[in-house]
Amino acid sequence: MGHKFVLIVLVLLGLTGCVAYLPMPLQTGDVLQLAAQVGHGEATLARLERTHQESSTASSVDPAVTVAQALDRQGNNNGYLDGAELITAIQAYATGQPIDGRAVDGRVLIGLIQLYAAQTPLGTQPGVEKALLELINQYRTQSGQCWDLLSDGWTPWPAGAVRSLSLSLELTKAALYHSQFMADHDCFAHQCPGEPDLQTRIEQAGYTGWTFIGENIAAGMEAPEEAFETWRNSPGHNRNILACQFKEIGIGRVYAPDSQYGWYWTTDFGSR
């Protein structure tokens, strides 16, 4: 049987803001019709994108993510916008009722439809996830050494070691869960009060049969470049990023405007 190793590192950073944009061209009937078509598998993201491109109006997509997170917390809190939660949003849009204090207008609803159709993990936009993964993989590829978790020291990359980590859906679910938990409970730690520990979170997300796992967390910055540079310049975080044995990664970024630090990041590493 293989040995199991758990590595945990955290860092606290400074506060920043957030800007992201999404066009909104739809009227009430259009949105409801598209929502029904998405639910029946008749509408695609490509069609939604074409509709967006025909509009000259831009608006922040972050309110849609915020509303989706509120709906998820009120529902099953599984890190995704489900069909029942989308129906609740459509009903709120049609009746003018706010969700968690935020009005659901057409811009928000079309963002929710996109999240639902793509099954995008809440809190992490695909561009952010991709950007951080590219930074980490470029760094691993260019590094002449890696951190050996077995000998607890630096060593040249061994033959067969994975230099470019692949994105794991299960680890991403675990990372998002932890970032959301920190944001919801205004807590910055690897295990907040009332929360399962790292091993339990990862296994509950479906990442079982692992041999090595590790975690970096950060708070207070928006951009993936900021998180990466801070981790790279911190010895403990850097060892996790350059660990010889890690093969997969999960990335979770959550924004909570009323929390102490605003942005919460988790990267969960693993191999199996």
Protein backbone atom coordinates (compact mmCIF):
# COMPACT_ATOMS: atom_id res chain seq x y z
CA MET A 1 0.00 0.00 0.00
CA GLY A 2 1.20 3.51 -0.79
CA HIS A 3 1.80 6.07 1.89
CA LYS A 4 -0.47 9.09 2.15
CA PHE A 5 0.87 12.57 2.69
CA VAL A 6 -1.01 15.79 3.45
CA LEU A 7 0.63 19.21 3.01
CA ILE A 8 -1.04 22.48 3.97
CA VAL A 9 0.15 26.06 3.48
CA LEU A 10 -1.65 29.40 3.85
CA VAL A 11 -0.97 33.08 3.15
CA LEU A 12 -2.86 36.34 3.73
CA LEU A 13 -2.56 39.10 1.18
CA GLY A 14 -3.86 42.63 0.53
CA LEU A 15 -7.31 43.74 -0.62
CA THR A 16 -8.17 44.59 -4.24
CA GLY A 17 -11.28 45.18 -6.39
CA CYS A 18 -13.01 43.28 -9.21
CA VAL A 19 -14.02 44.04 -12.79
CA ALA A 20 -15.47 41.62 -15.38
CA TYR A 21 -17.89 42.30 -18.22
CA LEU A 22 -20.69 40.48 -20.03
CA PRO A 23 -23.04 41.91 -22.67
CA MET A 24 -26.80 41.76 -22.04
CA PRO A 25 -29.17 42.02 -25.01
CA LEU A 26 -32.26 40.05 -23.95
CA GLN A 27 -35.81 41.03 -23.11
CA THR A 28 -38.07 39.15 -20.70
CA GLY A 29 -39.63 36.81 -23.26
CA ASP A 30 -36.25 36.07 -24.85
CA VAL A 31 -34.68 35.14 -21.54
CA LEU A 32 -37.52 32.86 -20.49
CA GLN A 33 -37.56 31.18 -23.89
CA LEU A 34 -33.81 30.64 -23.86
CA ALA A 35 -33.97 29.31 -20.31
CA ALA A 36 -36.59 26.78 -21.36
CA GLN A 37 -34.54 25.79 -24.41
CA VAL A 38 -31.38 25.37 -22.31
CA GLY A 39 -33.33 23.19 -19.90
CA HIS A 40 -34.46 20.98 -22.79
CA GLY A 41 -31.03 20.87 -24.38
CA GLU A 42 -32.18 22.90 -27.38
CA ALA A 43 -30.04 26.00 -26.78
CA THR A 44 -26.25 26.07 -26.74
CA LEU A 45 -23.61 28.36 -25.34
CA ALA A 46 -22.62 29.22 -28.91
CA ARG A 47 -26.09 30.64 -29.50
CA LEU A 48 -25.91 32.61 -26.27
CA GLU A 49 -22.53 34.00 -27.29
CA ARG A 50 -23.86 35.05 -30.70
CA THR A 51 -26.74 36.83 -28.98
CA HIS A 52 -24.28 38.61 -26.69
CA GLN A 53 -22.14 39.74 -29.61
CA GLU A 54 -25.15 41.42 -31.21
CA SER A 55 -25.53 43.69 -28.18
CA SER A 56 -23.65 46.93 -27.58
CA THR A 57 -24.47 46.94 -23.84
CA ALA A 58 -21.89 45.65 -21.35
CA SER A 59 -22.36 44.81 -17.69
CA SER A 60 -20.50 43.02 -14.92
CA VAL A 61 -20.93 39.23 -14.81
CA ASP A 62 -19.98 39.09 -11.12
CA PRO A 63 -23.56 39.79 -9.92
CA ALA A 64 -24.66 36.58 -11.67
CA VAL A 65 -21.98 34.61 -9.82
CA THR A 66 -23.00 36.25 -6.54
CA VAL A 67 -26.67 35.38 -7.08
CA ALA A 68 -25.75 31.82 -8.12
CA GLN A 69 -23.73 31.40 -4.94
CA ALA A 70 -26.66 32.66 -2.85
CA LEU A 71 -29.04 30.25 -4.61
CA ASP A 72 -26.60 27.38 -4.12
CA ARG A 73 -26.31 28.11 -0.39
CA GLN A 74 -30.10 28.14 -0.11
CA GLY A 75 -30.27 24.87 -2.07
CA ASN A 76 -27.83 21.99 -1.86
CA ASN A 77 -24.55 24.01 -1.64
CA ASN A 78 -22.77 21.65 -4.05
CA GLY A 79 -20.76 24.37 -5.81
CA TYR A 80 -22.87 24.44 -9.00
CA LEU A 81 -26.05 26.14 -10.20
CA ASP A 82 -28.67 23.41 -10.53
CA GLY A 83 -31.92 23.37 -12.50
CA ALA A 84 -34.12 24.01 -9.45
CA GLU A 85 -31.93 26.97 -8.49
CA LEU A 86 -32.16 28.40 -12.00
CA ILE A 87 -35.96 28.07 -11.91
CA THR A 88 -35.97 30.04 -8.65
CA ALA A 89 -33.92 32.76 -10.36
CA ILE A 90 -36.31 32.86 -13.35
CA GLN A 91 -39.26 33.19 -10.99
CA ALA A 92 -37.51 35.99 -9.11
CA TYR A 93 -36.79 37.72 -12.42
CA ALA A 94 -40.39 37.41 -13.58
CA THR A 95 -41.83 38.73 -10.30
CA GLY A 96 -39.19 41.35 -9.54
CA GLN A 97 -38.16 39.67 -6.27
CA PRO A 98 -34.52 40.09 -5.13
CA ILE A 99 -32.26 37.17 -4.18
CA ASP A 100 -30.09 37.78 -1.14
CA GLY A 101 -30.78 41.50 -1.50
CA ARG A 102 -29.76 41.69 -5.18
CA ALA A 103 -32.20 42.38 -8.01
CA VAL A 104 -32.30 39.74 -10.75
CA ASP A 105 -32.33 41.73 -13.99
CA GLY A 106 -31.74 40.49 -17.50
CA ARG A 107 -27.95 40.82 -17.22
CA VAL A 108 -27.88 38.65 -14.11
CA LEU A 109 -30.26 36.06 -15.53
CA ILE A 110 -28.36 35.54 -18.77
CA GLY A 111 -25.22 35.04 -16.69
CA LEU A 112 -27.06 32.45 -14.60
CA ILE A 113 -28.20 30.65 -17.75
CA GLN A 114 -24.57 30.48 -18.91
CA LEU A 115 -23.40 29.10 -15.56
CA TYR A 116 -26.16 26.49 -15.65
CA ALA A 117 -25.63 25.46 -19.26
CA ALA A 118 -21.85 25.14 -18.92
CA GLN A 119 -21.97 23.64 -15.41
CA THR A 120 -19.26 26.11 -14.44
CA PRO A 121 -18.13 25.80 -10.81
CA LEU A 122 -19.36 28.82 -8.89
CA GLY A 123 -16.74 31.34 -7.84
CA THR A 124 -14.15 30.38 -10.44
CA GLN A 125 -14.54 31.79 -13.92
CA PRO A 126 -12.92 29.60 -16.62
CA GLY A 127 -10.49 32.36 -17.64
CA VAL A 128 -9.21 32.74 -14.08
CA GLU A 129 -8.82 29.00 -13.65
CA LYS A 130 -6.94 28.68 -16.95
CA ALA A 131 -4.67 31.65 -16.25
CA LEU A 132 -3.53 30.32 -12.87
CA LEU A 133 -3.03 26.81 -14.23
CA GLU A 134 -0.87 28.16 -17.07
CA LEU A 135 1.26 30.18 -14.65
CA ILE A 136 1.83 27.17 -12.39
CA ASN A 137 2.59 24.78 -15.25
CA GLN A 138 4.99 27.19 -16.93
CA TYR A 139 6.80 27.59 -13.62
CA ARG A 140 7.01 23.83 -13.08
CA THR A 141 8.26 23.28 -16.63
CA GLN A 142 10.98 25.90 -16.33
CA SER A 143 12.16 24.85 -12.88
CA GLY A 144 15.25 22.65 -12.76
CA GLN A 145 14.28 21.15 -9.42
CA CYS A 146 11.19 19.88 -7.63
CA TRP A 147 10.35 19.35 -3.97
CA ASP A 148 10.44 15.67 -3.02
CA LEU A 149 7.65 15.01 -0.54
CA LEU A 150 9.26 11.74 0.55
CA SER A 151 12.76 13.03 1.36
CA ASP A 152 11.52 16.54 2.28
CA GLY A 153 14.12 18.21 0.09
CA TRP A 154 14.90 19.66 -3.33
CA THR A 155 15.98 17.31 -6.11
CA PRO A 156 16.31 17.32 -9.93
CA TRP A 157 13.07 16.26 -11.57
CA PRO A 158 12.98 12.46 -11.60
CA ALA A 159 12.22 10.53 -14.76
CA GLY A 160 8.49 10.14 -15.23
CA ALA A 161 7.52 13.08 -13.01
CA VAL A 162 4.55 15.14 -14.23
CA ARG A 163 5.71 18.68 -14.98
CA SER A 164 2.34 20.05 -16.15
CA LEU A 165 -0.51 19.53 -13.71
CA SER A 166 -3.94 18.65 -15.09
CA LEU A 167 -7.11 20.26 -13.80
CA SER A 168 -9.17 17.87 -11.68
CA LEU A 169 -12.94 18.39 -11.42
CA GLU A 170 -12.99 16.68 -8.02
CA LEU A 171 -10.15 18.77 -6.61
CA THR A 172 -11.75 21.91 -8.05
CA LYS A 173 -15.02 21.06 -6.28
CA ALA A 174 -13.10 20.63 -3.03
CA ALA A 175 -11.18 23.89 -3.54
CA LEU A 176 -14.35 25.84 -4.31
CA TYR A 177 -16.10 24.35 -1.30
CA HIS A 178 -13.31 25.53 0.99
CA SER A 179 -13.07 29.02 -0.56
CA GLN A 180 -16.83 29.41 -0.25
CA PHE A 181 -16.78 28.16 3.35
CA MET A 182 -14.08 30.69 4.27
CA ALA A 183 -16.04 33.48 2.57
CA ASP A 184 -19.37 32.52 4.16
CA HIS A 185 -17.91 32.22 7.66
CA ASP A 186 -15.43 35.11 7.42
CA CYS A 187 -12.67 32.68 8.32
CA PHE A 188 -9.17 32.35 6.90
CA ALA A 189 -7.79 28.92 7.76
CA HIS A 190 -7.32 25.45 6.31
CA GLN A 191 -10.14 24.21 8.53
CA CYS A 192 -12.74 26.69 9.73
CA PRO A 193 -14.95 25.88 12.73
CA GLY A 194 -17.62 23.38 11.71
CA GLU A 195 -15.85 22.44 8.47
CA PRO A 196 -14.42 19.01 7.52
CA ASP A 197 -10.63 18.71 7.30
CA LEU A 198 -8.71 18.69 4.01
CA GLN A 199 -8.69 14.93 3.56
CA THR A 200 -12.43 14.64 4.21
CA ARG A 201 -13.27 17.55 1.88
CA ILE A 202 -11.26 16.08 -0.97
CA GLU A 203 -12.69 12.60 -0.57
CA GLN A 204 -16.26 13.92 -0.27
CA ALA A 205 -15.68 15.70 -3.58
CA GLY A 206 -14.85 12.32 -5.15
CA TYR A 207 -11.04 12.45 -5.08
CA THR A 208 -10.40 9.04 -3.56
CA GLY A 209 -7.50 6.59 -3.79
CA TRP A 210 -4.96 9.40 -3.49
CA THR A 211 -1.34 9.03 -2.43
CA PHE A 212 -0.41 12.70 -1.95
CA ILE A 213 -2.54 15.80 -1.31
CA GLY A 214 -1.70 19.39 -0.41
CA GLU A 215 -3.33 22.79 -0.21
CA ASN A 216 -2.46 26.48 -0.59
CA ILE A 217 -4.88 29.22 0.45
CA ALA A 218 -4.79 32.98 0.12
CA ALA A 219 -7.10 35.92 0.67
CA GLY A 220 -7.42 39.53 -0.32
CA MET A 221 -6.44 39.65 -4.01
CA GLU A 222 -8.40 39.33 -7.24
CA ALA A 223 -5.92 38.46 -9.99
CA PRO A 224 -4.40 34.99 -10.46
CA GLU A 225 -1.02 36.62 -11.12
CA GLU A 226 -1.08 38.14 -7.62
CA ALA A 227 -1.91 34.84 -5.97
CA PHE A 228 0.75 32.99 -7.96
CA GLU A 229 3.53 35.50 -7.28
CA THR A 230 2.81 35.54 -3.55
CA TRP A 231 2.80 31.75 -3.35
CA ARG A 232 5.93 31.51 -5.51
CA ASN A 233 7.79 33.83 -3.13
CA SER A 234 6.68 31.94 -0.02
CA PRO A 235 8.82 28.84 0.74
CA GLY A 236 5.97 26.60 1.90
CA HIS A 237 3.63 27.54 -0.94
CA ASN A 238 6.45 27.24 -3.43
CA ARG A 239 7.20 23.68 -2.29
CA ASN A 240 3.57 22.69 -2.89
CA ILE A 241 3.57 24.27 -6.36
CA LEU A 242 6.82 22.48 -7.31
CA ALA A 243 6.20 19.15 -5.55
CA CYS A 244 7.61 16.28 -7.62
CA GLN A 245 4.76 13.91 -6.79
CA PHE A 246 1.73 16.11 -7.54
CA LYS A 247 -0.06 15.42 -10.82
CA GLU A 248 -3.41 17.24 -10.53
CA ILE A 249 -4.77 20.50 -9.20
CA GLY A 250 -8.09 22.06 -8.27
CA ILE A 251 -8.60 25.84 -8.23
CA GLY A 252 -11.30 27.75 -6.38
CA ARG A 253 -11.70 31.53 -6.16
CA VAL A 254 -14.70 33.10 -4.40
CA TYR A 255 -15.68 36.74 -3.88
CA ALA A 256 -17.68 37.84 -0.84
CA PRO A 257 -18.02 41.65 -0.78
CA ASP A 258 -19.16 41.82 2.84
CA SER A 259 -16.39 39.60 4.20
CA GLN A 260 -13.15 40.77 5.79
CA TYR A 261 -10.88 40.00 2.84
CA GLY A 262 -13.26 39.91 -0.14
CA TRP A 263 -11.43 37.37 -2.30
CA TYR A 264 -10.66 33.83 -1.10
CA TRP A 265 -8.42 31.40 -3.00
CA THR A 266 -7.81 27.68 -2.58
CA THR A 267 -5.58 25.41 -4.68
CA ASP A 268 -5.80 21.71 -3.85
CA PHE A 269 -3.02 19.46 -5.18
CA GLY A 270 -3.07 15.70 -5.49
CA SER A 271 -1.89 12.51 -7.12
CA ARG A 272 -3.39 9.04 -7.33
